[in-house]
Protein backbone atom coordinates (compact mmCIF):
# COMPACT_ATOMS: atom_id res chain seq x y z
CA UNK A 1 128.27 83.24 104.38
CA UNK A 2 130.66 83.27 107.39
CA UNK A 3 132.55 86.70 106.50
CA UNK A 4 129.02 88.39 106.67
CA UNK A 5 128.08 86.81 109.97
CA UNK A 6 131.68 87.52 111.38
CA UNK A 7 131.41 91.30 110.51
CA UNK A 8 127.67 91.75 111.12
CA UNK A 9 126.94 89.06 113.94
CA UNK A 10 123.28 91.01 114.70
CA UNK A 11 122.08 90.85 110.88
CA UNK A 12 118.81 89.14 110.69
CA UNK A 13 118.33 85.94 108.76
CA UNK A 14 116.02 87.92 106.27
CA UNK A 15 118.46 90.45 105.51
CA UNK A 16 121.43 87.89 105.39
CA UNK A 17 119.53 85.78 102.84
CA UNK A 18 118.54 88.99 100.82
CA UNK A 19 122.03 90.00 100.76
CA UNK A 20 123.27 86.53 99.46
CA UNK A 21 120.59 86.61 96.91
CA UNK A 22 121.72 90.03 95.61
CA UNK A 23 125.28 88.96 95.51
CA UNK A 24 124.68 85.63 93.60
CA UNK A 25 122.31 87.44 91.28
CA UNK A 26 124.90 89.89 90.44
CA UNK A 27 127.24 87.28 89.32
CA UNK A 28 129.35 86.30 92.57
CA UNK A 29 131.02 83.04 91.84
CA UNK A 30 133.97 82.85 94.61
CA UNK A 31 135.28 84.44 97.33
CA UNK A 32 137.76 86.19 95.10
CA UNK A 33 135.02 88.06 93.43
CA UNK A 34 134.09 89.70 96.64
CA UNK A 35 136.66 92.55 95.75
CA UNK A 36 134.34 93.49 92.94
CA UNK A 37 131.44 94.20 95.12
CA UNK A 38 130.57 97.95 95.19
CA UNK A 39 128.63 100.14 97.35
CA UNK A 40 125.76 100.43 94.89
CA UNK A 41 125.20 96.76 94.53
CA UNK A 42 123.97 96.43 98.06
CA UNK A 43 123.18 99.90 99.23
CA UNK A 44 119.34 99.10 99.67
CA UNK A 45 119.96 96.19 102.12
CA UNK A 46 122.27 97.64 104.90
CA UNK A 47 122.63 101.15 106.73
CA UNK A 48 125.72 102.93 105.84
CA UNK A 49 127.92 102.21 108.66
CA UNK A 50 127.33 98.26 108.36
CA UNK A 51 127.77 98.66 104.48
CA UNK A 52 131.27 100.37 105.00
CA UNK A 53 132.31 97.52 107.29
CA UNK A 54 131.31 94.83 105.12
CA UNK A 55 132.94 96.23 101.96
CA UNK A 56 136.13 96.82 103.83
CA UNK A 57 135.93 93.28 105.07
CA UNK A 58 135.33 91.99 101.61
CA UNK A 59 138.67 93.61 100.25
CA UNK A 60 140.74 92.30 103.04
CA UNK A 61 139.26 88.78 102.87
CA UNK A 62 141.69 86.05 101.94
CA UNK A 63 140.51 83.15 103.38
CA UNK A 64 138.58 80.70 101.14
CA UNK A 65 134.99 80.69 102.14
CA UNK A 66 132.18 78.41 100.72
CA UNK A 67 129.46 80.29 98.98
CA UNK A 68 127.83 76.98 97.93
CA UNK A 69 124.29 77.54 99.29
CA UNK A 70 123.23 74.06 98.78
CA UNK A 71 119.70 72.80 99.68
CA UNK A 72 118.78 69.75 101.61
CA UNK A 73 116.01 67.31 101.22
CA UNK A 74 113.17 68.20 103.30
CA UNK A 75 110.29 65.97 104.69
CA UNK A 76 107.67 68.87 103.62
CA UNK A 77 107.67 71.51 100.85
CA UNK A 78 106.93 74.50 103.03
CA UNK A 79 110.36 76.26 103.33
CA UNK A 80 109.64 79.86 103.84
CA UNK A 81 113.03 81.05 105.45
CA UNK A 82 116.58 80.39 105.15
CA UNK A 83 118.04 77.90 107.71
CA UNK A 84 121.31 76.47 108.45
CA UNK A 85 122.99 73.38 107.61
CA UNK A 86 124.24 71.09 110.13
CA UNK A 87 128.06 70.44 110.09
CA UNK A 88 127.40 66.88 109.05
CA UNK A 89 125.61 67.73 105.96
CA UNK A 90 128.25 70.00 104.49
CA UNK A 91 129.04 69.48 100.97
CA UNK A 92 131.48 66.80 99.84
CA UNK A 93 132.92 69.39 97.40
CA UNK A 94 134.45 71.56 100.01
CA UNK A 95 138.22 72.02 99.79
CA UNK A 96 140.51 70.77 102.72
CA UNK A 97 141.10 74.29 103.89
CA UNK A 98 137.22 74.72 103.92
CA UNK A 99 136.55 71.54 105.79
CA UNK A 100 139.19 72.25 108.37
CA UNK A 101 137.73 75.80 109.03
CA UNK A 102 134.33 74.14 109.58
CA UNK A 103 135.30 71.55 111.98
CA UNK A 104 133.95 73.68 114.86
CA UNK A 105 131.11 75.13 112.77
CA UNK A 106 128.43 76.86 114.35
CA UNK A 107 124.90 77.92 113.13
CA UNK A 108 126.72 80.30 110.69
CA UNK A 109 128.69 77.58 108.90
CA UNK A 110 126.57 77.29 105.67
CA UNK A 111 123.17 78.42 104.47
CA UNK A 112 121.00 76.74 102.28
CA UNK A 113 118.95 77.87 99.50
CA UNK A 114 115.23 78.50 99.96
CA UNK A 115 112.68 76.93 97.67
CA UNK A 116 111.98 79.95 95.32
CA UNK A 117 115.84 79.75 94.56
CA UNK A 118 115.68 76.04 93.33
CA UNK A 119 112.15 76.17 92.28
CA UNK A 120 111.82 74.27 88.89
CA UNK A 121 109.49 75.82 86.36
CA UNK A 122 107.12 73.15 84.85
CA UNK A 123 107.61 74.11 81.55
CA UNK A 124 106.47 70.72 80.18
CA UNK A 125 102.96 71.26 81.69
CA UNK A 126 102.71 74.70 79.91
CA UNK A 127 100.27 75.20 77.01
CA UNK A 128 101.93 74.22 73.67
CA UNK A 129 101.66 78.15 72.61
CA UNK A 130 103.89 78.90 75.64
CA UNK A 131 106.54 76.16 74.62
CA UNK A 132 106.50 77.11 71.05
CA UNK A 133 107.03 80.92 71.92
CA UNK A 134 110.02 80.04 74.04
CA UNK A 135 111.43 77.70 71.32
CA UNK A 136 111.25 80.59 68.93
CA UNK A 137 112.13 83.41 71.24
CA UNK A 138 108.99 85.07 70.80
CA UNK A 139 106.31 86.66 73.05
CA UNK A 140 103.24 84.41 73.83
CA UNK A 141 99.67 85.46 73.50
CA UNK A 142 97.98 87.28 76.66
CA UNK A 143 95.83 84.25 76.96
CA UNK A 144 98.37 81.64 76.82
CA UNK A 145 100.53 83.89 79.27
CA UNK A 146 97.43 83.67 81.66
CA UNK A 147 97.39 79.86 81.42
CA UNK A 148 100.95 79.80 82.24
CA UNK A 149 100.36 82.06 85.36
CA UNK A 150 97.69 79.54 86.45
CA UNK A 151 100.11 76.59 86.16
CA UNK A 152 102.99 78.36 87.74
CA UNK A 153 100.95 79.50 90.76
CA UNK A 154 99.48 75.96 91.30
CA UNK A 155 102.98 74.62 91.42
CA UNK A 156 104.34 77.34 93.79
CA UNK A 157 101.34 76.63 96.22
CA UNK A 158 102.64 73.00 96.59
CA UNK A 159 105.63 74.44 98.29
CA UNK A 160 103.90 77.18 100.20
CA UNK A 161 100.22 78.05 100.10
CA UNK A 162 100.88 81.85 100.89
CA UNK A 163 104.17 82.76 99.13
CA UNK A 164 105.49 86.00 99.92
CA UNK A 165 106.04 88.79 97.67
CA UNK A 166 109.95 88.34 98.04
CA UNK A 167 109.46 84.63 97.26
CA UNK A 168 107.55 85.61 93.99
CA UNK A 169 110.15 88.00 92.86
CA UNK A 170 112.84 85.39 93.07
CA UNK A 171 110.58 83.07 90.92
CA UNK A 172 109.94 85.86 88.35
CA UNK A 173 113.32 86.99 88.44
CA UNK A 174 114.56 83.62 87.27
CA UNK A 175 111.89 83.39 84.54
CA UNK A 176 112.87 86.81 83.24
CA UNK A 177 116.60 85.84 83.09
CA UNK A 178 116.06 82.72 81.35
CA UNK A 179 113.60 84.16 78.65
CA UNK A 180 113.83 87.72 78.59
CA UNK A 181 112.49 88.10 75.04
CA UNK A 182 109.45 86.21 75.70
CA UNK A 183 108.34 87.73 79.23
CA UNK A 184 110.37 90.70 80.09
CA UNK A 185 108.80 94.03 80.23
CA UNK A 186 110.03 95.65 77.16
CA UNK A 187 110.02 99.10 75.80
CA UNK A 188 109.19 99.90 71.94
CA UNK A 189 112.95 99.86 71.28
CA UNK A 190 113.46 96.74 73.01
CA UNK A 191 115.06 97.81 76.23
CA UNK A 192 114.02 96.24 79.41
CA UNK A 193 111.59 98.29 81.47
CA UNK A 194 112.45 98.77 84.88
CA UNK A 195 113.27 95.57 86.65
CA UNK A 196 111.69 93.63 83.72
CA UNK A 197 109.46 91.42 85.93
CA UNK A 198 106.75 93.69 87.07
CA UNK A 199 103.81 92.63 85.06
CA UNK A 200 104.62 89.14 85.62
CA UNK A 201 104.83 89.45 89.33
CA UNK A 202 101.65 91.45 89.64
CA UNK A 203 99.81 88.45 87.53
CA UNK A 204 101.28 85.65 89.78
CA UNK A 205 100.74 87.59 93.22
CA UNK A 206 97.03 88.25 92.05
CA UNK A 207 96.35 84.68 91.05
CA UNK A 208 97.85 83.38 94.26
CA UNK A 209 95.90 85.73 96.23
CA UNK A 210 92.77 85.13 94.56
CA UNK A 211 93.09 81.09 95.12
CA UNK A 212 93.37 81.85 98.67
CA UNK A 213 90.46 83.65 98.93
CA UNK A 214 86.96 82.17 99.72
CA UNK A 215 84.03 82.71 97.51
CA UNK A 216 81.13 81.35 99.07
CA UNK A 217 77.77 83.49 99.63
CA UNK A 218 75.38 83.66 102.30
CA UNK A 219 71.75 84.93 102.15
CA UNK A 220 70.98 88.58 101.47
CA UNK A 221 70.50 90.56 104.53
CA UNK A 222 68.15 93.68 105.30
CA UNK A 223 68.04 96.61 107.56
CA UNK A 224 65.14 96.93 109.96
CA UNK A 225 63.28 99.14 107.30
CA UNK A 226 63.39 96.68 104.42
CA UNK A 227 66.27 98.13 102.53
CA UNK A 228 68.54 95.47 101.04
CA UNK A 229 72.11 96.37 102.01
CA UNK A 230 73.74 93.49 99.93
CA UNK A 231 74.55 89.76 100.62
CA UNK A 232 76.15 88.80 104.01
CA UNK A 233 79.07 87.02 102.06
CA UNK A 234 82.73 86.36 102.25
CA UNK A 235 83.32 87.44 98.87
CA UNK A 236 86.85 88.68 98.56
CA UNK A 237 87.30 88.37 102.25
CA UNK A 238 90.05 86.72 104.41
CA UNK A 239 88.74 87.45 107.86
CA UNK A 240 85.06 87.78 107.57
CA UNK A 241 84.12 86.87 110.99
CA UNK A 242 87.43 86.46 113.07
CA UNK A 243 87.29 84.77 116.52
CA UNK A 244 88.23 86.65 119.70
CA UNK A 245 92.02 87.25 120.37
CA UNK A 246 93.30 84.47 122.60
CA UNK A 247 93.92 86.88 125.46
CA UNK A 248 90.52 88.63 125.08
CA UNK A 249 86.90 87.74 126.33
CA UNK A 250 83.59 89.42 125.43
CA UNK A 251 83.79 91.41 128.42
CA UNK A 252 87.27 92.96 127.82
CA UNK A 253 86.52 93.65 123.98
CA UNK A 254 83.57 95.37 125.09
CA UNK A 255 85.48 97.55 127.69
CA UNK A 256 87.77 98.36 124.72
CA UNK A 257 84.85 99.59 122.59
CA UNK A 258 83.65 101.77 125.45
CA UNK A 259 87.37 103.03 125.76
CA UNK A 260 87.13 104.11 122.08
CA UNK A 261 83.77 105.99 122.71
CA UNK A 262 85.48 107.90 125.56
CA UNK A 263 88.50 108.85 123.33
CA UNK A 264 86.03 110.21 120.76
CA UNK A 265 83.85 112.23 123.14
CA UNK A 266 87.12 113.70 124.47
CA UNK A 267 89.26 114.27 121.29
CA UNK A 268 86.56 113.96 118.59
CA UNK A 269 87.93 112.78 115.08
CA UNK A 270 91.48 114.00 116.01
CA UNK A 271 91.77 110.99 118.07
CA UNK A 272 92.10 108.71 115.17
CA UNK A 273 95.63 109.73 115.00
CA UNK A 274 96.54 108.29 118.56
CA UNK A 275 98.43 105.10 118.83
CA UNK A 276 96.07 103.79 121.30
CA UNK A 277 93.04 104.51 119.06
CA UNK A 278 94.90 102.32 116.25
CA UNK A 279 95.66 99.38 118.59
CA UNK A 280 92.14 99.35 120.20
CA UNK A 281 90.62 99.36 116.62
CA UNK A 282 92.63 96.40 115.53
CA UNK A 283 92.01 94.41 118.97
CA UNK A 284 88.23 95.07 118.45
CA UNK A 285 87.95 94.09 114.84
CA UNK A 286 86.34 90.78 115.77
CA UNK A 287 83.36 92.60 117.35
CA UNK A 288 83.09 95.13 114.66
CA UNK A 289 82.60 92.19 112.19
CA UNK A 290 80.12 90.57 114.68
CA UNK A 291 78.12 93.83 115.00
CA UNK A 292 78.16 94.22 111.03
CA UNK A 293 77.27 90.87 110.24
CA UNK A 294 74.52 90.41 112.73
CA UNK A 295 70.98 89.74 111.48
CA UNK A 296 68.88 91.64 111.11
CA UNK A 297 71.46 94.22 110.14
CA UNK A 298 71.82 97.34 112.07
CA UNK A 299 71.58 100.87 110.42
CA UNK A 300 74.58 102.83 109.47
CA UNK A 301 73.65 105.39 111.94
CA UNK A 302 73.62 102.66 114.67
CA UNK A 303 77.08 101.44 113.74
CA UNK A 304 78.44 104.95 113.62
CA UNK A 305 77.21 105.48 116.98
CA UNK A 306 78.98 102.40 118.28
CA UNK A 307 82.27 102.88 116.07
CA UNK A 308 82.77 106.54 115.40
CA UNK A 309 86.45 106.00 114.35
CA UNK A 310 85.20 103.24 111.92
CA UNK A 311 83.82 105.98 109.80
CA UNK A 312 86.96 108.16 109.37
CA UNK A 313 89.27 107.81 106.19
CA UNK A 314 91.90 105.81 108.33
CA UNK A 315 89.28 103.73 110.08
CA UNK A 316 87.86 102.46 106.76
CA UNK A 317 91.06 101.75 105.24
CA UNK A 318 92.40 99.88 108.48
CA UNK A 319 89.15 97.97 108.52
CA UNK A 320 89.48 96.90 104.86
CA UNK A 321 93.00 95.86 105.19
CA UNK A 322 92.03 93.72 108.09
CA UNK A 323 89.34 92.05 106.22
CA UNK A 324 90.94 91.59 102.84
CA UNK A 325 94.70 91.60 103.46
CA UNK A 326 94.74 94.46 101.02
CA UNK A 327 95.80 97.95 101.67
CA UNK A 328 93.33 99.79 99.50
CA UNK A 329 94.81 103.21 98.87
CA UNK A 330 98.23 101.75 97.84
CA UNK A 331 96.45 99.18 95.59
CA UNK A 332 94.59 102.03 93.76
CA UNK A 333 97.88 104.18 93.51
CA UNK A 334 99.78 101.31 92.07
CA UNK A 335 96.95 100.54 89.51
CA UNK A 336 96.68 104.11 88.20
CA UNK A 337 100.61 104.37 87.84
CA UNK A 338 100.57 100.73 86.10
CA UNK A 339 97.71 101.08 83.71
CA UNK A 340 95.93 104.47 84.15
CA UNK A 341 97.51 106.14 81.11
CA UNK A 342 97.20 102.78 79.29
CA UNK A 343 93.32 102.87 79.59
CA UNK A 344 93.00 106.61 78.71
CA UNK A 345 95.02 105.60 75.39
CA UNK A 346 93.01 102.43 74.85
CA UNK A 347 89.68 104.73 74.89
CA UNK A 348 91.26 107.35 72.87
CA UNK A 349 92.18 104.80 70.15
CA UNK A 350 89.15 102.63 70.28
CA UNK A 351 86.07 104.69 71.68
CA UNK A 352 83.30 102.31 72.36
CA UNK A 353 80.37 104.44 72.10
CA UNK A 354 79.36 108.22 72.04
CA UNK A 355 79.49 108.76 75.98
CA UNK A 356 83.28 107.63 75.69
CA UNK A 357 83.99 110.09 72.78
CA UNK A 358 82.34 112.72 74.71
CA UNK A 359 84.60 112.13 77.59
CA UNK A 360 87.82 111.98 75.60
CA UNK A 361 86.82 115.17 73.60
CA UNK A 362 86.52 117.27 77.01
CA UNK A 363 89.78 116.18 78.30
CA UNK A 364 89.38 118.15 81.68
CA UNK A 365 92.08 119.16 83.68
CA UNK A 366 91.40 116.54 86.37
CA UNK A 367 93.26 113.76 88.17
CA UNK A 368 93.99 110.73 85.92
CA UNK A 369 92.17 108.67 88.25
CA UNK A 370 88.91 110.70 87.95
CA UNK A 371 89.07 110.73 84.12
CA UNK A 372 89.77 106.68 84.13
CA UNK A 373 86.38 106.18 86.16
CA UNK A 374 84.51 108.62 83.93
CA UNK A 375 85.54 106.57 80.67
CA UNK A 376 84.78 103.15 82.35
CA UNK A 377 81.24 104.35 83.56
CA UNK A 378 80.67 105.68 79.87
CA UNK A 379 82.01 102.43 78.38
CA UNK A 380 79.52 100.26 80.54
CA UNK A 381 76.82 102.84 79.76
CA UNK A 382 76.45 103.71 83.64
CA UNK A 383 75.58 107.35 84.57
CA UNK A 384 78.27 109.06 86.73
CA UNK A 385 75.64 109.63 89.18
CA UNK A 386 75.49 106.07 89.89
CA UNK A 387 78.65 106.31 91.98
CA UNK A 388 79.87 110.14 91.87
CA UNK A 389 77.88 113.33 92.80
CA UNK A 390 79.03 117.01 92.80
CA UNK A 391 78.43 119.77 95.46
CA UNK A 392 79.49 123.26 95.97
CA UNK A 393 83.19 123.76 97.49
CA UNK A 394 81.80 125.57 100.52
CA UNK A 395 79.01 122.85 101.29
CA UNK A 396 78.96 121.39 104.86
CA UNK A 397 77.46 117.69 105.43
CA UNK A 398 74.42 119.31 106.39
CA UNK A 399 74.21 121.49 103.05
CA UNK A 400 74.97 118.31 101.07
CA UNK A 401 72.16 116.39 102.82
CA UNK A 402 69.55 119.16 102.44
CA UNK A 403 70.51 120.08 98.82
CA UNK A 404 71.16 116.75 97.23
CA UNK A 405 68.93 113.78 96.60
CA UNK A 406 71.17 111.12 98.61
CA UNK A 407 70.43 107.51 97.55
CA UNK A 408 70.62 104.58 100.10
CA UNK A 409 73.49 102.98 98.14
CA UNK A 410 76.98 104.53 98.78
CA UNK A 411 77.94 107.88 96.93
CA UNK A 412 81.15 109.64 96.43
CA UNK A 413 80.64 113.42 96.76
CA UNK A 414 83.07 115.76 95.28
CA UNK A 415 83.07 119.31 96.22
CA UNK A 416 84.60 121.90 93.90
CA UNK A 417 83.54 125.12 92.41
CA UNK A 418 81.96 123.38 89.49
CA UNK A 419 81.83 119.78 88.23
CA UNK A 420 85.22 119.11 86.48
CA UNK A 421 87.04 121.55 88.60
CA UNK A 422 89.69 121.10 91.21
CA UNK A 423 88.44 119.00 94.07
CA UNK A 424 88.47 120.78 97.42
CA UNK A 425 87.51 117.70 99.41
CA UNK A 426 85.08 114.74 99.30
CA UNK A 427 82.27 113.17 101.45
CA UNK A 428 80.78 109.80 101.39
CA UNK A 429 77.12 109.20 101.80
CA UNK A 430 75.38 105.98 102.66
CA UNK A 431 71.74 105.40 103.52
CA UNK A 432 70.81 108.70 102.71
CA UNK A 433 73.26 110.69 104.95
CA UNK A 434 76.86 111.84 105.06
CA UNK A 435 78.87 109.32 107.02
CA UNK A 436 82.52 110.30 106.14
CA UNK A 437 84.45 113.46 105.24
CA UNK A 438 87.99 113.44 103.58
CA UNK A 439 91.45 114.41 105.08
CA UNK A 440 92.84 114.25 101.57
CA UNK A 441 91.65 116.47 98.62
CA UNK A 442 92.03 113.91 95.94
CA UNK A 443 89.58 111.89 94.12
CA UNK A 444 91.51 108.62 94.41
CA UNK A 445 91.25 108.72 98.31
CA UNK A 446 87.69 109.14 98.14
CA UNK A 447 87.45 106.34 95.80
CA UNK A 448 89.42 104.20 98.20
CA UNK A 449 87.07 105.18 100.94
CA UNK A 450 83.78 104.25 99.05
CA UNK A 451 85.18 101.03 97.92
CA UNK A 452 86.10 100.45 101.51
CA UNK A 453 82.50 101.11 102.74
CA UNK A 454 81.21 98.58 100.15
CA UNK A 455 83.46 95.78 101.28
CA UNK A 456 83.29 96.73 105.09
CA UNK A 457 79.64 96.67 105.47
CA UNK A 458 78.63 93.89 102.97
CA UNK A 459 77.16 96.10 100.47
CA UNK A 460 76.12 94.71 97.04
CA UNK A 461 77.35 97.04 94.22
CA UNK A 462 74.49 99.48 93.11
CA UNK A 463 72.97 98.72 89.84
CA UNK A 464 73.83 102.14 88.58
CA UNK A 465 77.46 101.37 88.70
CA UNK A 466 77.74 97.71 89.11
CA UNK A 467 80.13 97.02 85.93
CA UNK A 468 82.58 99.85 86.93
CA UNK A 469 82.82 98.76 90.54
CA UNK A 470 83.24 95.23 89.40
CA UNK A 471 86.04 96.40 87.20
CA UNK A 472 87.70 98.51 90.13
CA UNK A 473 87.74 95.29 92.17
CA UNK A 474 89.35 93.11 89.73
CA UNK A 475 91.87 95.10 87.98
CA UNK A 476 92.74 97.90 90.43
CA UNK A 477 92.21 96.24 93.68
CA UNK A 478 93.14 92.87 92.80
CA UNK A 479 90.11 90.72 94.14
CA UNK A 480 89.51 88.18 91.51
CA UNK A 481 87.51 85.17 92.83
CA UNK A 482 86.82 82.70 90.04
CA UNK A 483 83.14 82.59 90.84
CA UNK A 484 80.61 84.93 91.86
CA UNK A 485 80.37 88.88 91.76
CA UNK A 486 79.63 91.54 94.33
CA UNK A 487 77.35 93.05 91.53
CA UNK A 488 73.65 92.95 91.50
CA UNK A 489 71.80 93.46 88.30
CA UNK A 490 72.82 96.11 85.53
CA UNK A 491 70.68 99.08 84.90
CA UNK A 492 70.22 100.05 81.24
CA UNK A 493 70.87 103.76 80.79
CA UNK A 494 68.67 103.85 77.52
CA UNK A 495 65.61 102.32 79.36
CA UNK A 496 66.20 103.03 82.98
CA UNK A 497 65.33 99.21 83.51
CA UNK A 498 67.22 96.51 85.08
CA UNK A 499 68.00 94.47 82.18
CA UNK A 500 71.23 92.43 83.04
CA UNK A 501 71.83 89.69 85.41
CA UNK A 502 74.98 88.86 87.63
CA UNK A 503 76.41 86.76 85.10
CA UNK A 504 76.33 89.55 82.72
CA UNK A 505 78.24 91.82 85.06
CA UNK A 506 81.02 89.35 84.93
CA UNK A 507 81.03 88.86 81.27
CA UNK A 508 81.04 92.62 80.46
CA UNK A 509 84.00 93.16 82.80
CA UNK A 510 85.83 90.04 81.64
CA UNK A 511 85.53 91.16 78.17
CA UNK A 512 87.10 94.67 78.75
CA UNK A 513 89.72 93.31 80.96
CA UNK A 514 91.00 90.90 78.09
CA UNK A 515 90.87 93.87 75.50
CA UNK A 516 92.74 96.12 77.81
CA UNK A 517 95.45 93.33 78.73
CA UNK A 518 95.97 92.80 75.08
CA UNK A 519 96.34 96.65 74.66
CA UNK A 520 98.60 97.16 77.57
CA UNK A 521 101.07 94.74 76.33
CA UNK A 522 101.29 96.72 73.12
CA UNK A 523 101.10 100.10 75.08
CA UNK A 524 104.09 98.97 77.12
């Protein structure tokens, strides 16, 4: 739109396209409609001064400017950013005034739509249940909706293998506008919940991300003392073993690792807040992965000596994000906001065993996330000690190592006055020693750290908590490869023996996920 570029010549292409999308989606059909645009309509896209300048220009604008955002044929479907139409490609429908004003058109004369805006939903390829629901104005079954998401994700990836969240939002928003009764997030009274497309967006993004993940397995690895630490695999990882950055060599990367050691010896753990440390940790990620993946695998103590900042809360989260392209803490926070209460209500209404009923009956004054994990472990008949240990609020790392029997597999240790009380802080143990301590006194931050450790160091889920961790991975974190599992065998609480194989881990988790998805729709 020329008026926008005239008033805001330095506006970025992304902001320009977002602004145009917002105006068109609000019902703008012609230049004359610009006078109806209010500050609230676009306040989230522009700084205050730019916003006022643009609104003033809208009111004064009298020229006829084309708002036709026409798309041109493209030799390839990968169109990910707005681009500019050449003057010779201007629509034949332009008025004489528009044509004359475009005679000397530059790069701002006309903007074409991106592929999500013109994306055609392949309704004819959808399951019959979906088509019937649309015809009747009803909501499809959860199973049919999941099939629809698969078809939709496959079709979107024909245009772009890695659609951005914004592109997915555009597609989801168009679907909800066309069939709100069938797909919009609705309250019990029929009102639209939020923007109406959150649940559909999450399903599509998860499906696309999982299709783009690799799921091949490598051989198990063992540390020098024979302790099996899990498969050296690429399960759920997007950068399992990256190459050196183009500008780096083995020598320069090692020099940067040594620089990190120097900073740690000088500043200690507080150095993790330095911008230099963050940059060095990102640059040396390839060397971190190389040393973690090497055979025979080094001990955690050796890795901690080489990479002290990797064993901080920030270091664990950052490594996990580079490894999987997922912000682990944010993923867990969003998951709890989205379905934490629904899971509590599900087990309250349908307790699956006596342990679940016991957890529900206690209703301790704890974080929602801790209650949810306790319920999941009870449902899967997994002992809480398989993932979580408790220690006195005043305990140090040395106290914990001396007083608790720490297993080789990772454990989240919660420090409080007593089990079930307010959490003062947490620690993580691995290979029988405390390797990380908290900077946030919350259970969810501890869960993020222990889950990061499992992925960062190629650890197979411990048998005592395999199903719970698999559920966290699939439902909360959003890693859902179609084949394989990071879980090993499953430990029977009743007999204390390993009774279930990996296939059963997937089966049990998938069964609960299906029940919860059906319940969540009713809950919403």
